[in-house]
Amino acid sequence: MTIKGLLFLTFLFILCSCSNKKEQELTLRENALLEREKQFENKEAEYDKLLKMRDSLMSVSKVIDTLPKVKEWPESLKIKWNSKMICRESNCSNYVIGDQRSEIWEFISDSIGMYTNVISNNQIKRVFNGHYLDSKIVLDSVKETSVKNKIKVSVELDDIKKNIIKGTQTIIGEDNCIAKFSVELTPSTKK
């Protein structure tokens, strides 16, 4: 082989090794770029999941905001109360003016509403649906069947102080007779 041939082969070898080195660098850069694209796709997918979660939470929040707020009795009422009721007027045969009654009243709330239980002889005698309106308590019972007749009872307590609540209970009997009782509630010492 001649010197020219040897020089040509050496030059060709150097040229090939340089281009091979460049090819390797190019392959390494390409692989690094592919890895970064893959990481970016993963982050983009995670971001999309977070956006969907945020949107679902916002829609749940909107639904919750449209639900009626659960109303509760003020903490000062959530105790047992002794009631003293005196009949003040009546055109009913079974209620006489001057009749007196004593019961225990409990103001309770749950997820369905506000109620007042009237307890006599350790048994619930009546349950009122309740509303607390601007310093006034309004209680209504549904028509109930007692032993002899159906009656409707409503209560308006409009004089509310820390240790005494006063108002009027109205009873409408089956024959549309009306009896009105003054109501006075005081905190019970019994638990």
C-alpha atoms as a PDB file:
ATOM      1  CA  MET A   1       0.000   0.000   0.000  1.00  0.00           C
ATOM      2  CA  THR A   2       1.198   3.403  -0.792  1.00  0.00           C
ATOM      3  CA  ILE A   3       1.520   6.357   1.456  1.00  0.00           C
ATOM      4  CA  LYS A   4      -1.297   8.057  -0.345  1.00  0.00           C
ATOM      5  CA  GLY A   5      -3.526   5.086   0.251  1.00  0.00           C
ATOM      6  CA  LEU A   6      -2.504   4.920   3.873  1.00  0.00           C
ATOM      7  CA  LEU A   7      -3.168   8.610   4.334  1.00  0.00           C
ATOM      8  CA  PHE A   8      -6.521   8.229   2.652  1.00  0.00           C
ATOM      9  CA  LEU A   9      -7.497   5.323   4.942  1.00  0.00           C
ATOM     10  CA  THR A  10      -6.374   7.266   8.024  1.00  0.00           C
ATOM     11  CA  PHE A  11      -8.331  10.291   6.925  1.00  0.00           C
ATOM     12  CA  LEU A  12     -11.380   8.124   6.261  1.00  0.00           C
ATOM     13  CA  PHE A  13     -11.018   6.453   9.669  1.00  0.00           C
ATOM     14  CA  ILE A  14     -10.783   9.828  11.451  1.00  0.00           C
ATOM     15  CA  LEU A  15     -13.704  11.135   9.474  1.00  0.00           C
ATOM     16  CA  CYS A  16     -15.789   8.071  10.341  1.00  0.00           C
ATOM     17  CA  SER A  17     -14.860   8.202  13.999  1.00  0.00           C
ATOM     18  CA  CYS A  18     -15.775  11.921  14.163  1.00  0.00           C
ATOM     19  CA  SER A  19     -19.079  11.378  12.492  1.00  0.00           C
ATOM     20  CA  ASN A  20     -19.708   8.365  14.750  1.00  0.00           C
ATOM     21  CA  LYS A  21     -18.987  10.548  17.808  1.00  0.00           C
ATOM     22  CA  LYS A  22     -21.375  13.214  16.536  1.00  0.00           C
ATOM     23  CA  GLU A  23     -23.980  10.563  15.885  1.00  0.00           C
ATOM     24  CA  GLN A  24     -23.637   9.296  19.466  1.00  0.00           C
ATOM     25  CA  GLU A  25     -23.949  12.830  20.865  1.00  0.00           C
ATOM     26  CA  LEU A  26     -26.980  13.408  18.687  1.00  0.00           C
ATOM     27  CA  THR A  27     -28.561  10.133  19.884  1.00  0.00           C
ATOM     28  CA  LEU A  28     -27.882  11.077  23.525  1.00  0.00           C
ATOM     29  CA  ARG A  29     -29.460  14.502  23.041  1.00  0.00           C
ATOM     30  CA  GLU A  30     -32.440  12.963  21.292  1.00  0.00           C
ATOM     31  CA  ASN A  31     -32.958  10.474  24.148  1.00  0.00           C
ATOM     32  CA  ALA A  32     -32.705  13.266  26.743  1.00  0.00           C
ATOM     33  CA  LEU A  33     -35.253  15.294  24.797  1.00  0.00           C
ATOM     34  CA  LEU A  34     -37.625  12.308  24.627  1.00  0.00           C
ATOM     35  CA  GLU A  35     -37.265  11.810  28.410  1.00  0.00           C
ATOM     36  CA  ARG A  36     -38.086  15.489  29.050  1.00  0.00           C
ATOM     37  CA  GLU A  37     -41.129  15.260  26.768  1.00  0.00           C
ATOM     38  CA  LYS A  38     -42.298  12.175  28.692  1.00  0.00           C
ATOM     39  CA  GLN A  39     -41.887  14.008  32.027  1.00  0.00           C
ATOM     40  CA  PHE A  40     -43.761  16.994  30.627  1.00  0.00           C
ATOM     41  CA  GLU A  41     -46.630  14.739  29.452  1.00  0.00           C
ATOM     42  CA  ASN A  42     -46.831  13.192  32.959  1.00  0.00           C
ATOM     43  CA  LYS A  43     -46.938  16.638  34.567  1.00  0.00           C
ATOM     44  CA  GLU A  44     -49.560  17.785  32.061  1.00  0.00           C
ATOM     45  CA  ALA A  45     -51.711  14.708  32.837  1.00  0.00           C
ATOM     46  CA  GLU A  46     -51.350  15.373  36.578  1.00  0.00           C
ATOM     47  CA  TYR A  47     -52.299  19.020  36.034  1.00  0.00           C
ATOM     48  CA  ASP A  48     -55.406  17.955  34.061  1.00  0.00           C
ATOM     49  CA  LYS A  49     -56.403  15.619  36.928  1.00  0.00           C
ATOM     50  CA  LEU A  50     -56.013  18.461  39.430  1.00  0.00           C
ATOM     51  CA  LEU A  51     -58.140  20.757  37.259  1.00  0.00           C
ATOM     52  CA  LYS A  52     -60.880  18.119  37.050  1.00  0.00           C
ATOM     53  CA  MET A  53     -60.731  17.584  40.828  1.00  0.00           C
ATOM     54  CA  ARG A  54     -60.963  21.341  41.419  1.00  0.00           C
ATOM     55  CA  ASP A  55     -63.933  21.601  39.060  1.00  0.00           C
ATOM     56  CA  SER A  56     -65.731  18.704  40.759  1.00  0.00           C
ATOM     57  CA  LEU A  57     -65.094  20.243  44.194  1.00  0.00           C
ATOM     58  CA  MET A  58     -66.407  23.577  42.970  1.00  0.00           C
ATOM     59  CA  SER A  59     -69.563  21.943  41.620  1.00  0.00           C
ATOM     60  CA  VAL A  60     -70.064  20.106  44.944  1.00  0.00           C
ATOM     61  CA  SER A  61     -69.532  23.413  46.739  1.00  0.00           C
ATOM     62  CA  LYS A  62     -72.177  25.062  44.555  1.00  0.00           C
ATOM     63  CA  VAL A  63     -74.643  22.259  45.365  1.00  0.00           C
ATOM     64  CA  ILE A  64     -73.900  22.562  49.082  1.00  0.00           C
ATOM     65  CA  ASP A  65     -74.406  26.335  48.905  1.00  0.00           C
ATOM     66  CA  THR A  66     -77.885  25.821  47.416  1.00  0.00           C
ATOM     67  CA  LEU A  67     -78.981  23.409  50.163  1.00  0.00           C
ATOM     68  CA  PRO A  68     -81.026  24.991  52.926  1.00  0.00           C
ATOM     69  CA  LYS A  69     -78.979  25.741  55.986  1.00  0.00           C
ATOM     70  CA  VAL A  70     -79.725  23.539  58.968  1.00  0.00           C
ATOM     71  CA  LYS A  71     -81.224  25.776  61.589  1.00  0.00           C
ATOM     72  CA  GLU A  72     -80.636  25.145  65.233  1.00  0.00           C
ATOM     73  CA  TRP A  73     -81.988  26.530  68.444  1.00  0.00           C
ATOM     74  CA  PRO A  74     -79.678  28.995  70.180  1.00  0.00           C
ATOM     75  CA  GLU A  75     -77.445  27.258  72.735  1.00  0.00           C
ATOM     76  CA  SER A  76     -79.266  29.050  75.577  1.00  0.00           C
ATOM     77  CA  LEU A  77     -82.473  27.142  74.685  1.00  0.00           C
ATOM     78  CA  LYS A  78     -80.927  23.665  74.402  1.00  0.00           C
ATOM     79  CA  ILE A  79     -81.775  22.703  77.970  1.00  0.00           C
ATOM     80  CA  LYS A  80     -84.843  21.277  79.672  1.00  0.00           C
ATOM     81  CA  TRP A  81     -87.446  23.814  80.726  1.00  0.00           C
ATOM     82  CA  ASN A  82     -90.205  23.566  83.342  1.00  0.00           C
ATOM     83  CA  SER A  83     -93.471  24.822  81.947  1.00  0.00           C
ATOM     84  CA  LYS A  84     -96.285  26.391  83.897  1.00  0.00           C
ATOM     85  CA  MET A  85     -99.443  26.878  81.859  1.00  0.00           C
ATOM     86  CA  ILE A  86    -102.684  28.484  83.001  1.00  0.00           C
ATOM     87  CA  CYS A  87    -105.883  28.498  80.939  1.00  0.00           C
ATOM     88  CA  ARG A  88    -106.827  32.161  80.347  1.00  0.00           C
ATOM     89  CA  GLU A  89    -109.779  31.753  77.971  1.00  0.00           C
ATOM     90  CA  SER A  90    -111.792  28.812  76.728  1.00  0.00           C
ATOM     91  CA  ASN A  91    -115.023  27.904  74.998  1.00  0.00           C
ATOM     92  CA  CYS A  92    -114.102  24.204  75.085  1.00  0.00           C
ATOM     93  CA  SER A  93    -115.837  21.818  77.455  1.00  0.00           C
ATOM     94  CA  ASN A  94    -112.626  20.008  78.436  1.00  0.00           C
ATOM     95  CA  TYR A  95    -110.591  23.183  79.245  1.00  0.00           C
ATOM     96  CA  VAL A  96    -111.697  25.428  82.101  1.00  0.00           C
ATOM     97  CA  ILE A  97    -110.362  28.924  82.791  1.00  0.00           C
ATOM     98  CA  GLY A  98    -107.872  28.648  85.638  1.00  0.00           C
ATOM     99  CA  ASP A  99    -106.757  25.073  84.740  1.00  0.00           C
ATOM    100  CA  GLN A 100    -103.038  24.654  85.387  1.00  0.00           C
ATOM    101  CA  ARG A 101    -100.577  22.277  83.751  1.00  0.00           C
ATOM    102  CA  SER A 102     -96.912  21.536  84.349  1.00  0.00           C
ATOM    103  CA  GLU A 103     -94.655  19.758  81.859  1.00  0.00           C
ATOM    104  CA  ILE A 104     -91.030  19.598  80.768  1.00  0.00           C
ATOM    105  CA  TRP A 105     -90.115  21.152  77.409  1.00  0.00           C
ATOM    106  CA  GLU A 106     -86.983  20.301  75.407  1.00  0.00           C
ATOM    107  CA  PHE A 107     -85.767  22.308  72.412  1.00  0.00           C
ATOM    108  CA  ILE A 108     -83.924  19.945  70.042  1.00  0.00           C
ATOM    109  CA  SER A 109     -82.508  20.183  66.502  1.00  0.00           C
ATOM    110  CA  ASP A 110     -81.376  17.605  63.997  1.00  0.00           C
ATOM    111  CA  SER A 111     -80.624  17.450  60.281  1.00  0.00           C
ATOM    112  CA  ILE A 112     -84.341  17.489  59.475  1.00  0.00           C
ATOM    113  CA  GLY A 113     -85.387  20.487  61.539  1.00  0.00           C
ATOM    114  CA  MET A 114     -86.066  22.120  64.880  1.00  0.00           C
ATOM    115  CA  TYR A 115     -88.452  20.573  67.394  1.00  0.00           C
ATOM    116  CA  THR A 116     -89.750  20.924  70.891  1.00  0.00           C
ATOM    117  CA  ASN A 117     -90.658  17.840  72.882  1.00  0.00           C
ATOM    118  CA  VAL A 118     -93.283  18.225  75.606  1.00  0.00           C
ATOM    119  CA  ILE A 119     -92.748  15.618  78.308  1.00  0.00           C
ATOM    120  CA  SER A 120     -95.247  14.624  80.978  1.00  0.00           C
ATOM    121  CA  ASN A 121     -94.790  11.709  83.394  1.00  0.00           C
ATOM    122  CA  ASN A 122     -91.461  10.866  81.693  1.00  0.00           C
ATOM    123  CA  GLN A 123     -93.158  10.313  78.320  1.00  0.00           C
ATOM    124  CA  ILE A 124     -93.280  12.535  75.254  1.00  0.00           C
ATOM    125  CA  LYS A 125     -96.806  13.925  75.178  1.00  0.00           C
ATOM    126  CA  ARG A 126     -96.440  16.171  72.134  1.00  0.00           C
ATOM    127  CA  VAL A 127     -93.825  17.167  69.541  1.00  0.00           C
ATOM    128  CA  PHE A 128     -93.861  20.633  68.008  1.00  0.00           C
ATOM    129  CA  ASN A 129     -92.188  21.721  64.784  1.00  0.00           C
ATOM    130  CA  GLY A 130     -90.313  24.866  65.692  1.00  0.00           C
ATOM    131  CA  HIS A 131     -89.124  28.125  64.167  1.00  0.00           C
ATOM    132  CA  TYR A 132     -86.993  30.834  65.730  1.00  0.00           C
ATOM    133  CA  LEU A 133     -87.953  34.162  64.160  1.00  0.00           C
ATOM    134  CA  ASP A 134     -86.447  37.446  65.293  1.00  0.00           C
ATOM    135  CA  SER A 135     -86.558  36.853  69.046  1.00  0.00           C
ATOM    136  CA  LYS A 136     -89.791  34.913  68.795  1.00  0.00           C
ATOM    137  CA  ILE A 137     -90.368  31.168  68.932  1.00  0.00           C
ATOM    138  CA  VAL A 138     -93.256  29.707  66.948  1.00  0.00           C
ATOM    139  CA  LEU A 139     -94.242  26.073  67.570  1.00  0.00           C
ATOM    140  CA  ASP A 140     -96.862  24.069  65.687  1.00  0.00           C
ATOM    141  CA  SER A 141     -98.070  20.536  66.179  1.00  0.00           C
ATOM    142  CA  VAL A 142     -99.693  18.587  63.426  1.00  0.00           C
ATOM    143  CA  LYS A 143    -103.259  17.504  64.013  1.00  0.00           C
ATOM    144  CA  GLU A 144    -103.009  14.679  66.450  1.00  0.00           C
ATOM    145  CA  THR A 145    -105.376  12.060  67.635  1.00  0.00           C
ATOM    146  CA  SER A 146    -105.872  11.877  71.350  1.00  0.00           C
ATOM    147  CA  VAL A 147    -108.069   9.297  72.983  1.00  0.00           C
ATOM    148  CA  LYS A 148    -111.313  11.116  72.158  1.00  0.00           C
ATOM    149  CA  ASN A 149    -110.710  13.895  69.644  1.00  0.00           C
ATOM    150  CA  LYS A 150    -108.357  15.580  67.191  1.00  0.00           C
ATOM    151  CA  ILE A 151    -106.727  18.826  68.253  1.00  0.00           C
ATOM    152  CA  LYS A 152    -104.308  21.382  66.807  1.00  0.00           C
ATOM    153  CA  VAL A 153    -101.874  23.074  69.173  1.00  0.00           C
ATOM    154  CA  SER A 154     -99.733  26.129  68.421  1.00  0.00           C
ATOM    155  CA  VAL A 155     -97.460  28.159  70.667  1.00  0.00           C
ATOM    156  CA  GLU A 156     -96.021  31.635  70.305  1.00  0.00           C
ATOM    157  CA  LEU A 157     -93.272  32.513  72.764  1.00  0.00           C
ATOM    158  CA  ASP A 158     -92.581  36.216  72.310  1.00  0.00           C
ATOM    159  CA  ASP A 159     -91.060  37.242  75.636  1.00  0.00           C
ATOM    160  CA  ILE A 160     -87.648  35.548  75.732  1.00  0.00           C
ATOM    161  CA  LYS A 161     -85.249  36.369  78.520  1.00  0.00           C
ATOM    162  CA  LYS A 162     -82.247  34.481  79.903  1.00  0.00           C
ATOM    163  CA  ASN A 163     -84.062  32.539  82.645  1.00  0.00           C
ATOM    164  CA  ILE A 164     -87.705  32.912  81.668  1.00  0.00           C
ATOM    165  CA  ILE A 165     -89.677  32.561  78.451  1.00  0.00           C
ATOM    166  CA  LYS A 166     -93.319  33.601  78.189  1.00  0.00           C
ATOM    167  CA  GLY A 167     -95.994  33.323  75.577  1.00  0.00           C
ATOM    168  CA  THR A 168     -99.341  31.804  74.609  1.00  0.00           C
ATOM    169  CA  GLN A 169    -100.447  28.308  73.692  1.00  0.00           C
ATOM    170  CA  THR A 170    -103.606  28.000  71.591  1.00  0.00           C
ATOM    171  CA  ILE A 171    -105.517  24.732  71.339  1.00  0.00           C
ATOM    172  CA  ILE A 172    -108.162  24.268  68.651  1.00  0.00           C
ATOM    173  CA  GLY A 173    -110.384  21.285  69.371  1.00  0.00           C
ATOM    174  CA  GLU A 174    -112.205  18.973  66.979  1.00  0.00           C
ATOM    175  CA  ASP A 175    -115.422  21.026  67.228  1.00  0.00           C
ATOM    176  CA  ASN A 176    -113.385  24.242  66.522  1.00  0.00           C
ATOM    177  CA  CYS A 177    -113.487  25.332  70.147  1.00  0.00           C
ATOM    178  CA  ILE A 178    -110.504  27.400  71.284  1.00  0.00           C
ATOM    179  CA  ALA A 179    -108.595  27.350  74.553  1.00  0.00           C
ATOM    180  CA  LYS A 180    -105.712  29.717  75.280  1.00  0.00           C
ATOM    181  CA  PHE A 181    -103.091  29.129  77.931  1.00  0.00           C
ATOM    182  CA  SER A 182    -100.416  31.488  79.199  1.00  0.00           C
ATOM    183  CA  VAL A 183     -97.054  29.725  79.061  1.00  0.00           C
ATOM    184  CA  GLU A 184     -94.107  30.379  81.325  1.00  0.00           C
ATOM    185  CA  LEU A 185     -90.890  28.396  80.916  1.00  0.00           C
ATOM    186  CA  THR A 186     -88.062  28.389  83.443  1.00  0.00           C
ATOM    187  CA  PRO A 187     -84.827  26.321  83.335  1.00  0.00           C
ATOM    188  CA  SER A 188     -85.256  22.885  84.872  1.00  0.00           C
ATOM    189  CA  THR A 189     -82.942  21.852  87.659  1.00  0.00           C
ATOM    190  CA  LYS A 190     -83.369  18.188  86.617  1.00  0.00           C
ATOM    191  CA  LYS A 191     -80.995  16.800  83.987  1.00  0.00           C
END
